[in-house]
PDB file of N, CA and C in Angstrom:
ATOM      1  N   MET A   1      -1.935   3.762   2.805  1.00  0.00           N
ATOM      2  CA  MET A   1      -1.026   2.706   3.185  1.00  0.00           C
ATOM      3  C   MET A   1      -0.160   2.320   1.987  1.00  0.00           C
ATOM      4  N   PRO A   2       1.054   1.905   2.253  1.00  0.00           N
ATOM      5  CA  PRO A   2       1.953   1.547   1.155  1.00  0.00           C
ATOM      6  C   PRO A   2       1.581   0.214   0.514  1.00  0.00           C
ATOM      7  N   THR A   3       1.960   0.089  -0.730  1.00  0.00           N
ATOM      8  CA  THR A   3       1.760  -1.137  -1.490  1.00  0.00           C
ATOM      9  C   THR A   3       3.082  -1.887  -1.551  1.00  0.00           C
ATOM     10  N   TYR A   4       3.041  -3.168  -1.232  1.00  0.00           N
ATOM     11  CA  TYR A   4       4.245  -3.999  -1.231  1.00  0.00           C
ATOM     12  C   TYR A   4       4.142  -5.050  -2.323  1.00  0.00           C
ATOM     13  N   GLU A   5       5.285  -5.444  -2.868  1.00  0.00           N
ATOM     14  CA  GLU A   5       5.327  -6.473  -3.902  1.00  0.00           C
ATOM     15  C   GLU A   5       5.718  -7.799  -3.274  1.00  0.00           C
ATOM     16  N   PHE A   6       4.946  -8.820  -3.582  1.00  0.00           N
ATOM     17  CA  PHE A   6       5.226 -10.174  -3.134  1.00  0.00           C
ATOM     18  C   PHE A   6       5.404 -11.050  -4.365  1.00  0.00           C
ATOM     19  N   ARG A   7       6.166 -12.141  -4.228  1.00  0.00           N
ATOM     20  CA  ARG A   7       6.409 -13.038  -5.353  1.00  0.00           C
ATOM     21  C   ARG A   7       6.106 -14.468  -4.924  1.00  0.00           C
ATOM     22  N   CYS A   8       5.173 -15.070  -5.672  1.00  0.00           N
ATOM     23  CA  CYS A   8       4.817 -16.471  -5.466  1.00  0.00           C
ATOM     24  C   CYS A   8       5.668 -17.304  -6.428  1.00  0.00           C
ATOM     25  N   SER A   9       6.145 -18.459  -5.960  1.00  0.00           N
ATOM     26  CA  SER A   9       6.985 -19.296  -6.824  1.00  0.00           C
ATOM     27  C   SER A   9       6.192 -19.873  -7.989  1.00  0.00           C
ATOM     28  N   GLY A  10       4.878 -20.032  -7.838  1.00  0.00           N
ATOM     29  CA  GLY A  10       4.066 -20.592  -8.917  1.00  0.00           C
ATOM     30  C   GLY A  10       3.367 -19.546  -9.767  1.00  0.00           C
ATOM     31  N   CYS A  11       2.842 -18.503  -9.141  1.00  0.00           N
ATOM     32  CA  CYS A  11       2.025 -17.503  -9.855  1.00  0.00           C
ATOM     33  C   CYS A  11       2.805 -16.276 -10.308  1.00  0.00           C
ATOM     34  N   GLY A  12       3.906 -15.970  -9.643  1.00  0.00           N
ATOM     35  CA  GLY A  12       4.671 -14.790 -10.001  1.00  0.00           C
ATOM     36  C   GLY A  12       4.401 -13.632  -9.056  1.00  0.00           C
ATOM     37  N   PRO A  13       4.738 -12.406  -9.473  1.00  0.00           N
ATOM     38  CA  PRO A  13       4.604 -11.256  -8.577  1.00  0.00           C
ATOM     39  C   PRO A  13       3.159 -10.770  -8.468  1.00  0.00           C
ATOM     40  N   PHE A  14       2.839 -10.220  -7.286  1.00  0.00           N
ATOM     41  CA  PHE A  14       1.550  -9.559  -7.069  1.00  0.00           C
ATOM     42  C   PHE A  14       1.741  -8.505  -5.986  1.00  0.00           C
ATOM     43  N   ASP A  15       0.836  -7.560  -5.923  1.00  0.00           N
ATOM     44  CA  ASP A  15       0.904  -6.461  -4.962  1.00  0.00           C
ATOM     45  C   ASP A  15      -0.098  -6.683  -3.842  1.00  0.00           C
ATOM     46  N   ALA A  16       0.255  -6.214  -2.656  1.00  0.00           N
ATOM     47  CA  ALA A  16      -0.635  -6.268  -1.501  1.00  0.00           C
ATOM     48  C   ALA A  16      -0.412  -5.009  -0.671  1.00  0.00           C
ATOM     49  N   VAL A  17      -1.468  -4.556  -0.002  1.00  0.00           N
ATOM     50  CA  VAL A  17      -1.414  -3.329   0.789  1.00  0.00           C
ATOM     51  C   VAL A  17      -1.417  -3.703   2.266  1.00  0.00           C
ATOM     52  N   PHE A  18      -0.425  -3.206   2.998  1.00  0.00           N
ATOM     53  CA  PHE A  18      -0.309  -3.417   4.443  1.00  0.00           C
ATOM     54  C   PHE A  18       0.152  -2.112   5.071  1.00  0.00           C
ATOM     55  N   SER A  19      -0.123  -1.948   6.368  1.00  0.00           N
ATOM     56  CA  SER A  19       0.438  -0.796   7.064  1.00  0.00           C
ATOM     57  C   SER A  19       1.933  -1.046   7.261  1.00  0.00           C
ATOM     58  N   MET A  20       2.704   0.002   7.430  1.00  0.00           N
ATOM     59  CA  MET A  20       4.144  -0.148   7.598  1.00  0.00           C
ATOM     60  C   MET A  20       4.479  -0.923   8.869  1.00  0.00           C
ATOM     61  N   ARG A  21       3.640  -0.812   9.843  1.00  0.00           N
ATOM     62  CA  ARG A  21       3.880  -1.485  11.115  1.00  0.00           C
ATOM     63  C   ARG A  21       3.602  -2.983  11.033  1.00  0.00           C
ATOM     64  N   GLU A  22       2.666  -3.398  10.187  1.00  0.00           N
ATOM     65  CA  GLU A  22       2.217  -4.788  10.188  1.00  0.00           C
ATOM     66  C   GLU A  22       2.531  -5.545   8.904  1.00  0.00           C
ATOM     67  N   VAL A  23       3.477  -5.098   8.107  1.00  0.00           N
ATOM     68  CA  VAL A  23       3.792  -5.795   6.861  1.00  0.00           C
ATOM     69  C   VAL A  23       4.519  -7.105   7.174  1.00  0.00           C
ATOM     70  N   PRO A  24       4.005  -8.235   6.656  1.00  0.00           N
ATOM     71  CA  PRO A  24       4.639  -9.519   6.941  1.00  0.00           C
ATOM     72  C   PRO A  24       5.771  -9.818   5.953  1.00  0.00           C
ATOM     73  N   ALA A  25       6.629 -10.758   6.330  1.00  0.00           N
ATOM     74  CA  ALA A  25       7.702 -11.195   5.432  1.00  0.00           C
ATOM     75  C   ALA A  25       7.139 -12.105   4.340  1.00  0.00           C
ATOM     76  N   THR A  26       6.073 -12.836   4.663  1.00  0.00           N
ATOM     77  CA  THR A  26       5.390 -13.684   3.679  1.00  0.00           C
ATOM     78  C   THR A  26       3.890 -13.506   3.837  1.00  0.00           C
ATOM     79  N   THR A  27       3.169 -13.738   2.768  1.00  0.00           N
ATOM     80  CA  THR A  27       1.706 -13.675   2.783  1.00  0.00           C
ATOM     81  C   THR A  27       1.183 -14.732   1.823  1.00  0.00           C
ATOM     82  N   PRO A  28      -0.002 -15.276   2.062  1.00  0.00           N
ATOM     83  CA  PRO A  28      -0.514 -16.295   1.153  1.00  0.00           C
ATOM     84  C   PRO A  28      -0.889 -15.713  -0.211  1.00  0.00           C
ATOM     85  N   CYS A  29      -0.560 -16.440  -1.249  1.00  0.00           N
ATOM     86  CA  CYS A  29      -0.911 -16.068  -2.624  1.00  0.00           C
ATOM     87  C   CYS A  29      -2.348 -16.514  -2.891  1.00  0.00           C
ATOM     88  N   ARG A  30      -2.881 -16.165  -4.063  1.00  0.00           N
ATOM     89  CA  ARG A  30      -4.225 -16.609  -4.459  1.00  0.00           C
ATOM     90  C   ARG A  30      -4.300 -18.130  -4.518  1.00  0.00           C
ATOM     91  N   CYS A  31      -3.181 -18.766  -4.860  1.00  0.00           N
ATOM     92  CA  CYS A  31      -3.156 -20.235  -4.959  1.00  0.00           C
ATOM     93  C   CYS A  31      -2.979 -20.898  -3.599  1.00  0.00           C
ATOM     94  N   GLY A  32      -2.700 -20.106  -2.553  1.00  0.00           N
ATOM     95  CA  GLY A  32      -2.528 -20.651  -1.220  1.00  0.00           C
ATOM     96  C   GLY A  32      -1.086 -20.844  -0.804  1.00  0.00           C
ATOM     97  N   ALA A  33      -0.156 -20.781  -1.738  1.00  0.00           N
ATOM     98  CA  ALA A  33       1.259 -20.945  -1.420  1.00  0.00           C
ATOM     99  C   ALA A  33       1.791 -19.674  -0.763  1.00  0.00           C
ATOM    100  N   PRO A  34       2.773 -19.802   0.124  1.00  0.00           N
ATOM    101  CA  PRO A  34       3.346 -18.602   0.738  1.00  0.00           C
ATOM    102  C   PRO A  34       4.177 -17.818  -0.285  1.00  0.00           C
ATOM    103  N   ALA A  35       4.004 -16.511  -0.276  1.00  0.00           N
ATOM    104  CA  ALA A  35       4.750 -15.631  -1.184  1.00  0.00           C
ATOM    105  C   ALA A  35       5.635 -14.722  -0.353  1.00  0.00           C
ATOM    106  N   ARG A  36       6.895 -14.607  -0.744  1.00  0.00           N
ATOM    107  CA  ARG A  36       7.854 -13.770  -0.017  1.00  0.00           C
ATOM    108  C   ARG A  36       7.779 -12.327  -0.500  1.00  0.00           C
ATOM    109  N   ARG A  37       8.008 -11.426   0.442  1.00  0.00           N
ATOM    110  CA  ARG A  37       8.030 -10.004   0.103  1.00  0.00           C
ATOM    111  C   ARG A  37       9.308  -9.704  -0.645  1.00  0.00           C
ATOM    112  N   GLY A  38       9.187  -8.952  -1.729  1.00  0.00           N
ATOM    113  CA  GLY A  38      10.342  -8.561  -2.529  1.00  0.00           C
ATOM    114  C   GLY A  38      10.793  -7.158  -2.177  1.00  0.00           C
ATOM    115  N   ILE A  39      11.929  -6.772  -2.699  1.00  0.00           N
ATOM    116  CA  ILE A  39      12.440  -5.418  -2.523  1.00  0.00           C
ATOM    117  C   ILE A  39      12.157  -4.670  -3.816  1.00  0.00           C
ATOM    118  N   SER A  40      11.431  -3.581  -3.699  1.00  0.00           N
ATOM    119  CA  SER A  40      11.071  -2.787  -4.869  1.00  0.00           C
ATOM    120  C   SER A  40      11.078  -1.316  -4.485  1.00  0.00           C
ATOM    121  N   ALA A  41      10.886  -0.478  -5.462  1.00  0.00           N
ATOM    122  CA  ALA A  41      10.810   0.965  -5.204  1.00  0.00           C
ATOM    123  C   ALA A  41       9.572   1.256  -4.367  1.00  0.00           C
ATOM    124  N   PRO A  42       9.635   2.213  -3.437  1.00  0.00           N
ATOM    125  CA  PRO A  42       8.473   2.502  -2.610  1.00  0.00           C
ATOM    126  C   PRO A  42       7.322   3.059  -3.433  1.00  0.00           C
ATOM    127  N   ARG A  43       6.140   2.571  -3.149  1.00  0.00           N
ATOM    128  CA  ARG A  43       4.922   3.058  -3.792  1.00  0.00           C
ATOM    129  C   ARG A  43       3.974   3.465  -2.679  1.00  0.00           C
ATOM    130  N   LEU A  44       4.134   4.691  -2.195  1.00  0.00           N
ATOM    131  CA  LEU A  44       3.386   5.133  -1.032  1.00  0.00           C
ATOM    132  C   LEU A  44       2.033   5.732  -1.365  1.00  0.00           C
ATOM    133  N   GLY A  45       1.797   6.137  -2.576  1.00  0.00           N
ATOM    134  CA  GLY A  45       0.514   6.730  -2.918  1.00  0.00           C
ATOM    135  C   GLY A  45       0.187   6.548  -4.376  1.00  0.00           C
ATOM    136  N   THR A  46      -1.084   6.691  -4.686  1.00  0.00           N
ATOM    137  CA  THR A  46      -1.514   6.521  -6.067  1.00  0.00           C
ATOM    138  C   THR A  46      -1.674   7.855  -6.782  1.00  0.00           C
ATOM    139  N   GLY A  47      -1.564   8.952  -6.057  1.00  0.00           N
ATOM    140  CA  GLY A  47      -1.694  10.250  -6.691  1.00  0.00           C
ATOM    141  C   GLY A  47      -3.114  10.752  -6.745  1.00  0.00           C
ATOM    142  N   ALA A  48      -4.037  10.095  -6.088  1.00  0.00           N
ATOM    143  CA  ALA A  48      -5.426  10.509  -6.143  1.00  0.00           C
ATOM    144  C   ALA A  48      -5.806  11.411  -4.967  1.00  0.00           C
ATOM    145  N   THR A  49      -4.928  11.601  -4.021  1.00  0.00           N
ATOM    146  CA  THR A  49      -5.266  12.405  -2.858  1.00  0.00           C
ATOM    147  C   THR A  49      -5.153  13.889  -3.184  1.00  0.00           C
ATOM    148  N   GLY A  50      -5.777  14.701  -2.364  1.00  0.00           N
ATOM    149  CA  GLY A  50      -5.700  16.141  -2.552  1.00  0.00           C
ATOM    150  C   GLY A  50      -4.289  16.670  -2.417  1.00  0.00           C
ATOM    151  N   ALA A  51      -3.520  16.088  -1.495  1.00  0.00           N
ATOM    152  CA  ALA A  51      -2.134  16.523  -1.308  1.00  0.00           C
ATOM    153  C   ALA A  51      -1.298  16.223  -2.546  1.00  0.00           C
ATOM    154  N   MET A  52      -1.502  15.067  -3.147  1.00  0.00           N
ATOM    155  CA  MET A  52      -0.751  14.721  -4.354  1.00  0.00           C
ATOM    156  C   MET A  52      -1.146  15.639  -5.512  1.00  0.00           C
ATOM    157  N   ARG A  53      -2.428  15.966  -5.630  1.00  0.00           N
ATOM    158  CA  ARG A  53      -2.866  16.890  -6.690  1.00  0.00           C
ATOM    159  C   ARG A  53      -2.251  18.269  -6.485  1.00  0.00           C
ATOM    160  N   LEU A  54      -2.173  18.715  -5.224  1.00  0.00           N
ATOM    161  CA  LEU A  54      -1.564  20.013  -4.928  1.00  0.00           C
ATOM    162  C   LEU A  54      -0.080  20.005  -5.278  1.00  0.00           C
ATOM    163  N   LEU A  55       0.625  18.939  -4.937  1.00  0.00           N
ATOM    164  CA  LEU A  55       2.048  18.852  -5.292  1.00  0.00           C
ATOM    165  C   LEU A  55       2.246  18.851  -6.801  1.00  0.00           C
ATOM    166  N   ASP A  56       1.391  18.122  -7.521  1.00  0.00           N
ATOM    167  CA  ASP A  56       1.497  18.103  -8.982  1.00  0.00           C
ATOM    168  C   ASP A  56       1.221  19.477  -9.579  1.00  0.00           C
ATOM    169  N   ALA A  57       0.214  20.182  -9.054  1.00  0.00           N
ATOM    170  CA  ALA A  57      -0.110  21.517  -9.568  1.00  0.00           C
ATOM    171  C   ALA A  57       1.019  22.497  -9.271  1.00  0.00           C
ATOM    172  N   THR A  58       1.626  22.399  -8.096  1.00  0.00           N
ATOM    173  CA  THR A  58       2.734  23.278  -7.737  1.00  0.00           C
ATOM    174  C   THR A  58       3.927  23.037  -8.653  1.00  0.00           C
ATOM    175  N   LYS A  59       4.210  21.772  -8.922  1.00  0.00           N
ATOM    176  CA  LYS A  59       5.320  21.444  -9.805  1.00  0.00           C
ATOM    177  C   LYS A  59       5.050  21.950 -11.223  1.00  0.00           C
ATOM    178  N   ALA A  60       3.811  21.824 -11.685  1.00  0.00           N
ATOM    179  CA  ALA A  60       3.459  22.282 -13.030  1.00  0.00           C
ATOM    180  C   ALA A  60       3.609  23.795 -13.153  1.00  0.00           C
ATOM    181  N   THR A  61       3.219  24.552 -12.124  1.00  0.00           N
ATOM    182  CA  THR A  61       3.349  26.006 -12.216  1.00  0.00           C
ATOM    183  C   THR A  61       4.802  26.440 -12.107  1.00  0.00           C
ATOM    184  N   ALA A  62       5.648  25.650 -11.461  1.00  0.00           N
ATOM    185  CA  ALA A  62       7.075  25.996 -11.392  1.00  0.00           C
ATOM    186  C   ALA A  62       7.723  25.835 -12.756  1.00  0.00           C
ATOM    187  N   GLU A  63       7.268  24.847 -13.525  1.00  0.00           N
ATOM    188  CA  GLU A  63       7.834  24.615 -14.847  1.00  0.00           C
ATOM    189  C   GLU A  63       7.205  25.507 -15.910  1.00  0.00           C
ATOM    190  N   ARG A  64       5.914  25.798 -15.784  1.00  0.00           N
ATOM    191  CA  ARG A  64       5.182  26.615 -16.759  1.00  0.00           C
ATOM    192  C   ARG A  64       4.374  27.680 -16.027  1.00  0.00           C
ATOM    193  N   PRO A  65       5.022  28.754 -15.561  1.00  0.00           N
ATOM    194  CA  PRO A  65       4.273  29.768 -14.807  1.00  0.00           C
ATOM    195  C   PRO A  65       3.255  30.477 -15.694  1.00  0.00           C
ATOM    196  N   ALA A  66       2.146  30.851 -15.086  1.00  0.00           N
ATOM    197  CA  ALA A  66       1.108  31.577 -15.815  1.00  0.00           C
ATOM    198  C   ALA A  66       1.576  33.018 -16.069  1.00  0.00           C
ATOM    199  N   VAL A  67       1.271  33.544 -17.234  1.00  0.00           N
ATOM    200  CA  VAL A  67       1.624  34.911 -17.586  1.00  0.00           C
ATOM    201  C   VAL A  67       0.461  35.817 -17.195  1.00  0.00           C
ATOM    202  N   VAL A  68       0.756  36.870 -16.433  1.00  0.00           N
ATOM    203  CA  VAL A  68      -0.272  37.780 -15.954  1.00  0.00           C
ATOM    204  C   VAL A  68      -0.179  39.055 -16.765  1.00  0.00           C
ATOM    205  N   SER A  69      -1.300  39.482 -17.344  1.00  0.00           N
ATOM    206  CA  SER A  69      -1.295  40.697 -18.156  1.00  0.00           C
ATOM    207  C   SER A  69      -1.729  41.928 -17.379  1.00  0.00           C
ATOM    208  N   GLY A  70      -2.265  41.755 -16.184  1.00  0.00           N
ATOM    209  CA  GLY A  70      -2.700  42.892 -15.388  1.00  0.00           C
ATOM    210  C   GLY A  70      -3.150  42.424 -14.021  1.00  0.00           C
ATOM    211  N   PRO A  71      -3.510  43.394 -13.157  1.00  0.00           N
ATOM    212  CA  PRO A  71      -3.966  43.009 -11.825  1.00  0.00           C
ATOM    213  C   PRO A  71      -5.308  42.278 -11.915  1.00  0.00           C
ATOM    214  N   PRO A  72      -5.594  41.435 -10.945  1.00  0.00           N
ATOM    215  CA  PRO A  72      -6.870  40.725 -10.972  1.00  0.00           C
ATOM    216  C   PRO A  72      -8.035  41.691 -10.807  1.00  0.00           C
ATOM    217  N   GLY A  73      -9.157  41.351 -11.370  1.00  0.00           N
ATOM    218  CA  GLY A  73     -10.342  42.200 -11.268  1.00  0.00           C
ATOM    219  C   GLY A  73     -10.903  42.190  -9.857  1.00  0.00           C
ATOM    220  N   ARG A  74     -11.634  43.209  -9.544  1.00  0.00           N
ATOM    221  CA  ARG A  74     -12.229  43.313  -8.213  1.00  0.00           C
ATOM    222  C   ARG A  74     -13.466  42.445  -8.140  1.00  0.00           C
ATOM    223  N   SER A  75     -13.562  41.716  -7.074  1.00  0.00           N
ATOM    224  CA  SER A  75     -14.783  40.973  -6.813  1.00  0.00           C
ATOM    225  C   SER A  75     -15.404  41.565  -5.571  1.00  0.00           C
ATOM    226  N   GLY A  76     -16.649  41.510  -5.379  1.00  0.00           N
ATOM    227  CA  GLY A  76     -17.447  42.136  -4.342  1.00  0.00           C
ATOM    228  C   GLY A  76     -16.759  42.583  -3.070  1.00  0.00           C
ATOM    229  N   GLY A  77     -15.737  41.911  -2.576  1.00  0.00           N
ATOM    230  CA  GLY A  77     -15.169  42.270  -1.285  1.00  0.00           C
ATOM    231  C   GLY A  77     -13.871  43.043  -1.397  1.00  0.00           C
ATOM    232  N   GLY A  78     -13.467  43.635  -0.288  1.00  0.00           N
ATOM    233  CA  GLY A  78     -12.178  44.282  -0.225  1.00  0.00           C
ATOM    234  C   GLY A  78     -12.182  45.750  -0.612  1.00  0.00           C
ATOM    235  N   GLY A  79     -13.280  46.279  -1.120  1.00  0.00           N
ATOM    236  CA  GLY A  79     -13.338  47.680  -1.519  1.00  0.00           C
ATOM    237  C   GLY A  79     -13.738  48.577  -0.358  1.00  0.00           C
ATOM    238  N   ALA A  80     -14.072  49.816  -0.682  1.00  0.00           N
ATOM    239  CA  ALA A  80     -14.498  50.756   0.340  1.00  0.00           C
ATOM    240  C   ALA A  80     -15.843  50.327   0.918  1.00  0.00           C
ATOM    241  N   PRO A  81     -16.029  50.529   2.216  1.00  0.00           N
ATOM    242  CA  PRO A  81     -17.310  50.150   2.820  1.00  0.00           C
ATOM    243  C   PRO A  81     -18.430  51.051   2.315  1.00  0.00           C
ATOM    244  N   SER A  82     -19.616  50.507   2.310  1.00  0.00           N
ATOM    245  CA  SER A  82     -20.753  51.278   1.800  1.00  0.00           C
ATOM    246  C   SER A  82     -21.479  52.037   2.903  1.00  0.00           C
ATOM    247  N   ASP A  83     -21.078  51.862   4.149  1.00  0.00           N
ATOM    248  CA  ASP A  83     -21.741  52.555   5.260  1.00  0.00           C
ATOM    249  C   ASP A  83     -21.194  53.978   5.359  1.00  0.00           C
ATOM    250  N   PRO A  84     -22.010  55.039   5.222  1.00  0.00           N
ATOM    251  CA  PRO A  84     -21.513  56.430   5.262  1.00  0.00           C
ATOM    252  C   PRO A  84     -20.931  56.829   6.611  1.00  0.00           C
ATOM    253  N   ARG A  85     -21.272  56.133   7.683  1.00  0.00           N
ATOM    254  CA  ARG A  85     -20.715  56.487   9.004  1.00  0.00           C
ATOM    255  C   ARG A  85     -19.224  56.191   9.074  1.00  0.00           C
ATOM    256  N   HIS A  86     -18.744  55.312   8.229  1.00  0.00           N
ATOM    257  CA  HIS A  86     -17.319  54.994   8.237  1.00  0.00           C
ATOM    258  C   HIS A  86     -16.472  56.184   7.799  1.00  0.00           C
ATOM    259  N   ALA A  87     -17.008  57.080   7.013  1.00  0.00           N
ATOM    260  CA  ALA A  87     -16.251  58.258   6.564  1.00  0.00           C
ATOM    261  C   ALA A  87     -15.940  59.199   7.728  1.00  0.00           C
ATOM    262  N   ARG A  88     -16.737  59.160   8.792  1.00  0.00           N
ATOM    263  CA  ARG A  88     -16.525  60.044   9.939  1.00  0.00           C
ATOM    264  C   ARG A  88     -15.555  59.466  10.978  1.00  0.00           C
ATOM    265  N   LEU A  89     -15.071  58.229  10.764  1.00  0.00           N
ATOM    266  CA  LEU A  89     -14.140  57.638  11.700  1.00  0.00           C
ATOM    267  C   LEU A  89     -12.795  58.347  11.616  1.00  0.00           C
ATOM    268  N   PRO A  90     -12.052  58.421  12.748  1.00  0.00           N
ATOM    269  CA  PRO A  90     -10.739  59.084  12.710  1.00  0.00           C
ATOM    270  C   PRO A  90      -9.761  58.290  11.842  1.00  0.00           C
ATOM    271  N   ARG A  91      -8.938  59.026  11.142  1.00  0.00           N
ATOM    272  CA  ARG A  91      -7.931  58.429  10.259  1.00  0.00           C
ATOM    273  C   ARG A  91      -6.573  58.462  10.948  1.00  0.00           C
ATOM    274  N   PRO A  92      -5.715  57.490  10.730  1.00  0.00           N
ATOM    275  CA  PRO A  92      -4.384  57.498  11.350  1.00  0.00           C
ATOM    276  C   PRO A  92      -3.482  58.558  10.757  1.00  0.00           C
TER     277      PRO A  92
END
């Protein structure tokens, strides 16, 4: 959910989290006075989600691509099958 900035006339600015559908024009401050919603830059996420980490990693590799010195090594899968009956199968 997005974070919105509110400003109390006595306490100053503070942040509150509301859904986009239910964000009020005013909300009570810690002191009890009504605080008006301010206009600020959107703060839709904190960057802790998996999607944000993926976007950050993608951006980092675009700026600093990894240098590859050779093909990746083989790991257990993807090689020739070990079953000898497969050698007798028809080939295209």
